[in-house]
Amino acid sequence: MHPILFRFVHFRIKDRDLTDDIVQETFLRLWKMRAKLQTDKPILSLLLTISRRLILDYYKHNKVRLDHRDDITSELYSQNDETQKVDQHREKISKAIWIINKKLPKKCAEVFTLSRLEGLSHREIAVSLGISTKTVENHITKANRIINKYFSL
């Protein structure tokens, strides 16, 4: 009886280990229902029915598992993309700060910081530093040119 059942399951599953598990589970379930068995009915048809249901259960569970794996995988990729974007943004900010501190002239860096980072208007910067608004505009233009040069490298 075992070889017939094994071939029946293996034909549908094509995995020897899984086939062994299903055949064993089939016999276990038959054993659990031994008190209810009718001796006048063929046992092979009952074994085939149990194994067929176990095979169907396997495919249903496998489909659910694959669906969830795809969902989890896409979620992980999505999180990874977001992390990469944040890292790239941090890198750009770090580079901009380095450029402002190391490559811009002192007054130009001060004007650019007041304008872009603190949000002051050209007029407010000019009043606080005692320079003309045209000079503020020139410093900001120069700073933008230098920063863009380093970001294009």
C-alpha atoms as a PDB file:
ATOM      1  CA  MET A   1       0.000   0.000   0.000  1.00  0.00           C
ATOM      2  CA  HIS A   2       2.848   2.380   0.833  1.00  0.00           C
ATOM      3  CA  PRO A   3       4.460   2.264  -2.680  1.00  0.00           C
ATOM      4  CA  ILE A   4       1.126   2.987  -4.370  1.00  0.00           C
ATOM      5  CA  LEU A   5       0.435   5.936  -2.091  1.00  0.00           C
ATOM      6  CA  PHE A   6       4.009   7.196  -2.439  1.00  0.00           C
ATOM      7  CA  ARG A   7       3.787   7.184  -6.259  1.00  0.00           C
ATOM      8  CA  PHE A   8       0.369   8.861  -6.120  1.00  0.00           C
ATOM      9  CA  VAL A   9       1.700  11.732  -3.997  1.00  0.00           C
ATOM     10  CA  HIS A  10       5.101  11.997  -5.676  1.00  0.00           C
ATOM     11  CA  PHE A  11       3.464  12.304  -9.103  1.00  0.00           C
ATOM     12  CA  ARG A  12       1.687  15.464  -7.871  1.00  0.00           C
ATOM     13  CA  ILE A  13       4.381  16.977  -5.659  1.00  0.00           C
ATOM     14  CA  LYS A  14       7.713  16.077  -7.357  1.00  0.00           C
ATOM     15  CA  ASP A  15       9.621  16.514  -4.079  1.00  0.00           C
ATOM     16  CA  ARG A  16      10.785  13.349  -2.338  1.00  0.00           C
ATOM     17  CA  ASP A  17      11.042  14.819   1.171  1.00  0.00           C
ATOM     18  CA  LEU A  18       7.655  16.467   0.946  1.00  0.00           C
ATOM     19  CA  THR A  19       6.180  13.276  -0.484  1.00  0.00           C
ATOM     20  CA  ASP A  20       7.518  11.335   2.505  1.00  0.00           C
ATOM     21  CA  ASP A  21       5.996  13.883   4.871  1.00  0.00           C
ATOM     22  CA  ILE A  22       2.586  13.758   3.203  1.00  0.00           C
ATOM     23  CA  VAL A  23       2.534   9.947   3.095  1.00  0.00           C
ATOM     24  CA  GLN A  24       3.491   9.794   6.764  1.00  0.00           C
ATOM     25  CA  GLU A  25       0.833  12.365   7.673  1.00  0.00           C
ATOM     26  CA  THR A  26      -1.707  10.322   5.669  1.00  0.00           C
ATOM     27  CA  PHE A  27      -0.975   7.209   7.715  1.00  0.00           C
ATOM     28  CA  LEU A  28      -1.008   9.229  10.928  1.00  0.00           C
ATOM     29  CA  ARG A  29      -4.458  10.585  10.146  1.00  0.00           C
ATOM     30  CA  LEU A  30      -5.662   7.104   9.238  1.00  0.00           C
ATOM     31  CA  TRP A  31      -4.363   5.875  12.595  1.00  0.00           C
ATOM     32  CA  LYS A  32      -6.141   8.675  14.456  1.00  0.00           C
ATOM     33  CA  MET A  33      -9.460   7.739  12.854  1.00  0.00           C
ATOM     34  CA  ARG A  34      -9.004   3.967  13.241  1.00  0.00           C
ATOM     35  CA  ALA A  35     -11.943   3.725  15.656  1.00  0.00           C
ATOM     36  CA  LYS A  36     -14.330   5.115  13.045  1.00  0.00           C
ATOM     37  CA  LEU A  37     -13.136   2.918  10.166  1.00  0.00           C
ATOM     38  CA  GLN A  38     -15.536   0.537   8.507  1.00  0.00           C
ATOM     39  CA  THR A  39     -13.846  -2.743   7.767  1.00  0.00           C
ATOM     40  CA  ASP A  40     -16.039  -3.519   4.761  1.00  0.00           C
ATOM     41  CA  LYS A  41     -14.783  -0.472   2.739  1.00  0.00           C
ATOM     42  CA  PRO A  42     -11.463  -0.394   0.841  1.00  0.00           C
ATOM     43  CA  ILE A  43      -8.759   1.398   2.778  1.00  0.00           C
ATOM     44  CA  LEU A  44      -6.806   2.493  -0.316  1.00  0.00           C
ATOM     45  CA  SER A  45      -9.528   4.910  -1.449  1.00  0.00           C
ATOM     46  CA  LEU A  46      -9.529   6.481   2.031  1.00  0.00           C
ATOM     47  CA  LEU A  47      -5.736   6.830   1.973  1.00  0.00           C
ATOM     48  CA  LEU A  48      -5.837   8.435  -1.484  1.00  0.00           C
ATOM     49  CA  THR A  49      -8.549  10.862  -0.358  1.00  0.00           C
ATOM     50  CA  ILE A  50      -6.598  11.879   2.743  1.00  0.00           C
ATOM     51  CA  SER A  51      -3.381  12.365   0.765  1.00  0.00           C
ATOM     52  CA  ARG A  52      -5.208  14.316  -1.973  1.00  0.00           C
ATOM     53  CA  ARG A  53      -6.550  16.718   0.672  1.00  0.00           C
ATOM     54  CA  LEU A  54      -3.109  17.070   2.216  1.00  0.00           C
ATOM     55  CA  ILE A  55      -1.654  17.888  -1.209  1.00  0.00           C
ATOM     56  CA  LEU A  56      -4.332  20.534  -1.752  1.00  0.00           C
ATOM     57  CA  ASP A  57      -3.615  21.981   1.695  1.00  0.00           C
ATOM     58  CA  TYR A  58       0.074  22.107   0.861  1.00  0.00           C
ATOM     59  CA  TYR A  59      -0.567  24.055  -2.361  1.00  0.00           C
ATOM     60  CA  LYS A  60      -2.947  26.462  -0.628  1.00  0.00           C
ATOM     61  CA  HIS A  61      -0.471  27.149   2.167  1.00  0.00           C
ATOM     62  CA  ASN A  62       2.386  27.461  -0.269  1.00  0.00           C
ATOM     63  CA  LYS A  63       0.469  30.028  -2.324  1.00  0.00           C
ATOM     64  CA  VAL A  64      -0.253  32.098   0.781  1.00  0.00           C
ATOM     65  CA  ARG A  65       3.384  31.842   1.864  1.00  0.00           C
ATOM     66  CA  LEU A  66       4.579  32.985  -1.580  1.00  0.00           C
ATOM     67  CA  ASP A  67       2.111  35.872  -1.619  1.00  0.00           C
ATOM     68  CA  HIS A  68       3.319  37.041   1.779  1.00  0.00           C
ATOM     69  CA  ARG A  69       6.945  36.615   0.784  1.00  0.00           C
ATOM     70  CA  ASP A  70       6.360  38.844  -2.241  1.00  0.00           C
ATOM     71  CA  ASP A  71       4.663  41.454  -0.046  1.00  0.00           C
ATOM     72  CA  ILE A  72       7.480  41.364   2.482  1.00  0.00           C
ATOM     73  CA  THR A  73      10.119  41.515  -0.244  1.00  0.00           C
ATOM     74  CA  SER A  74       8.513  44.519  -1.925  1.00  0.00           C
ATOM     75  CA  GLU A  75       8.171  46.244   1.457  1.00  0.00           C
ATOM     76  CA  LEU A  76      11.848  45.624   2.202  1.00  0.00           C
ATOM     77  CA  TYR A  77      12.855  47.009  -1.195  1.00  0.00           C
ATOM     78  CA  SER A  78      10.666  50.034  -0.592  1.00  0.00           C
ATOM     79  CA  GLN A  79      12.269  50.645   2.813  1.00  0.00           C
ATOM     80  CA  ASN A  80      15.709  50.120   1.310  1.00  0.00           C
ATOM     81  CA  ASP A  81      14.971  52.704  -1.409  1.00  0.00           C
ATOM     82  CA  GLU A  82      13.836  55.206   1.222  1.00  0.00           C
ATOM     83  CA  THR A  83      16.959  54.553   3.284  1.00  0.00           C
ATOM     84  CA  GLN A  84      19.145  55.100   0.216  1.00  0.00           C
ATOM     85  CA  LYS A  85      17.357  58.382  -0.547  1.00  0.00           C
ATOM     86  CA  VAL A  86      17.855  59.577   3.035  1.00  0.00           C
ATOM     87  CA  ASP A  87      21.516  58.573   2.919  1.00  0.00           C
ATOM     88  CA  GLN A  88      22.017  60.396  -0.382  1.00  0.00           C
ATOM     89  CA  HIS A  89      20.313  63.478   1.028  1.00  0.00           C
ATOM     90  CA  ARG A  90      22.527  63.388   4.146  1.00  0.00           C
ATOM     91  CA  GLU A  91      25.585  63.022   1.958  1.00  0.00           C
ATOM     92  CA  LYS A  92      24.592  66.074  -0.102  1.00  0.00           C
ATOM     93  CA  ILE A  93      23.985  68.123   3.035  1.00  0.00           C
ATOM     94  CA  SER A  94      27.337  67.076   4.495  1.00  0.00           C
ATOM     95  CA  LYS A  95      29.061  67.985   1.237  1.00  0.00           C
ATOM     96  CA  ALA A  96      27.295  71.369   1.113  1.00  0.00           C
ATOM     97  CA  ILE A  97      28.328  72.143   4.693  1.00  0.00           C
ATOM     98  CA  TRP A  98      31.907  71.149   3.917  1.00  0.00           C
ATOM     99  CA  ILE A  99      31.913  73.416   0.843  1.00  0.00           C
ATOM    100  CA  ILE A 100      30.471  76.314   2.819  1.00  0.00           C
ATOM    101  CA  ASN A 101      33.042  75.908   5.603  1.00  0.00           C
ATOM    102  CA  LYS A 102      36.129  75.083   3.539  1.00  0.00           C
ATOM    103  CA  LYS A 103      35.769  76.493   0.043  1.00  0.00           C
ATOM    104  CA  LEU A 104      33.775  79.737   0.364  1.00  0.00           C
ATOM    105  CA  PRO A 105      35.387  82.966   1.462  1.00  0.00           C
ATOM    106  CA  LYS A 106      34.470  83.861   5.065  1.00  0.00           C
ATOM    107  CA  LYS A 107      32.092  86.757   4.252  1.00  0.00           C
ATOM    108  CA  CYS A 108      30.514  84.815   1.359  1.00  0.00           C
ATOM    109  CA  ALA A 109      29.890  81.802   3.630  1.00  0.00           C
ATOM    110  CA  GLU A 110      28.375  84.053   6.298  1.00  0.00           C
ATOM    111  CA  VAL A 111      25.998  85.707   3.822  1.00  0.00           C
ATOM    112  CA  PHE A 112      25.020  82.354   2.274  1.00  0.00           C
ATOM    113  CA  THR A 113      24.360  80.829   5.720  1.00  0.00           C
ATOM    114  CA  LEU A 114      22.188  83.759   6.778  1.00  0.00           C
ATOM    115  CA  SER A 115      20.245  83.583   3.523  1.00  0.00           C
ATOM    116  CA  ARG A 116      19.773  79.849   2.949  1.00  0.00           C
ATOM    117  CA  LEU A 117      20.008  78.303   6.391  1.00  0.00           C
ATOM    118  CA  GLU A 118      18.525  81.025   8.597  1.00  0.00           C
ATOM    119  CA  GLY A 119      16.068  82.326   5.980  1.00  0.00           C
ATOM    120  CA  LEU A 120      16.864  86.021   6.243  1.00  0.00           C
ATOM    121  CA  SER A 121      16.016  88.322   3.352  1.00  0.00           C
ATOM    122  CA  HIS A 122      18.707  90.157   1.385  1.00  0.00           C
ATOM    123  CA  ARG A 123      17.712  93.416   3.049  1.00  0.00           C
ATOM    124  CA  GLU A 124      17.910  91.908   6.574  1.00  0.00           C
ATOM    125  CA  ILE A 125      21.354  90.477   5.828  1.00  0.00           C
ATOM    126  CA  ALA A 126      22.563  93.792   4.413  1.00  0.00           C
ATOM    127  CA  VAL A 127      21.381  95.685   7.500  1.00  0.00           C
ATOM    128  CA  SER A 128      22.868  93.196   9.982  1.00  0.00           C
ATOM    129  CA  LEU A 129      26.272  93.064   8.239  1.00  0.00           C
ATOM    130  CA  GLY A 130      26.408  96.738   7.220  1.00  0.00           C
ATOM    131  CA  ILE A 131      26.724  96.032   3.483  1.00  0.00           C
ATOM    132  CA  SER A 132      24.538  96.823   0.475  1.00  0.00           C
ATOM    133  CA  THR A 133      21.850  94.461  -0.824  1.00  0.00           C
ATOM    134  CA  LYS A 134      23.756  94.287  -4.122  1.00  0.00           C
ATOM    135  CA  THR A 135      26.811  92.976  -2.248  1.00  0.00           C
ATOM    136  CA  VAL A 136      24.585  90.385  -0.545  1.00  0.00           C
ATOM    137  CA  GLU A 137      23.290  89.278  -3.962  1.00  0.00           C
ATOM    138  CA  ASN A 138      26.860  89.061  -5.298  1.00  0.00           C
ATOM    139  CA  HIS A 139      27.977  86.914  -2.331  1.00  0.00           C
ATOM    140  CA  ILE A 140      25.013  84.556  -2.783  1.00  0.00           C
ATOM    141  CA  THR A 141      25.623  84.286  -6.540  1.00  0.00           C
ATOM    142  CA  LYS A 142      29.301  83.517  -5.923  1.00  0.00           C
ATOM    143  CA  ALA A 143      28.423  80.932  -3.260  1.00  0.00           C
ATOM    144  CA  ASN A 144      25.914  79.230  -5.561  1.00  0.00           C
ATOM    145  CA  ARG A 145      28.474  79.111  -8.368  1.00  0.00           C
ATOM    146  CA  ILE A 146      31.136  77.522  -6.127  1.00  0.00           C
ATOM    147  CA  ILE A 147      28.695  75.021  -4.563  1.00  0.00           C
ATOM    148  CA  ASN A 148      27.332  73.979  -7.964  1.00  0.00           C
ATOM    149  CA  LYS A 149      30.888  73.524  -9.243  1.00  0.00           C
ATOM    150  CA  TYR A 150      31.651  71.043  -6.447  1.00  0.00           C
ATOM    151  CA  PHE A 151      28.358  69.198  -6.836  1.00  0.00           C
ATOM    152  CA  SER A 152      28.912  68.722 -10.566  1.00  0.00           C
ATOM    153  CA  LEU A 153      32.234  66.946  -9.936  1.00  0.00           C
END
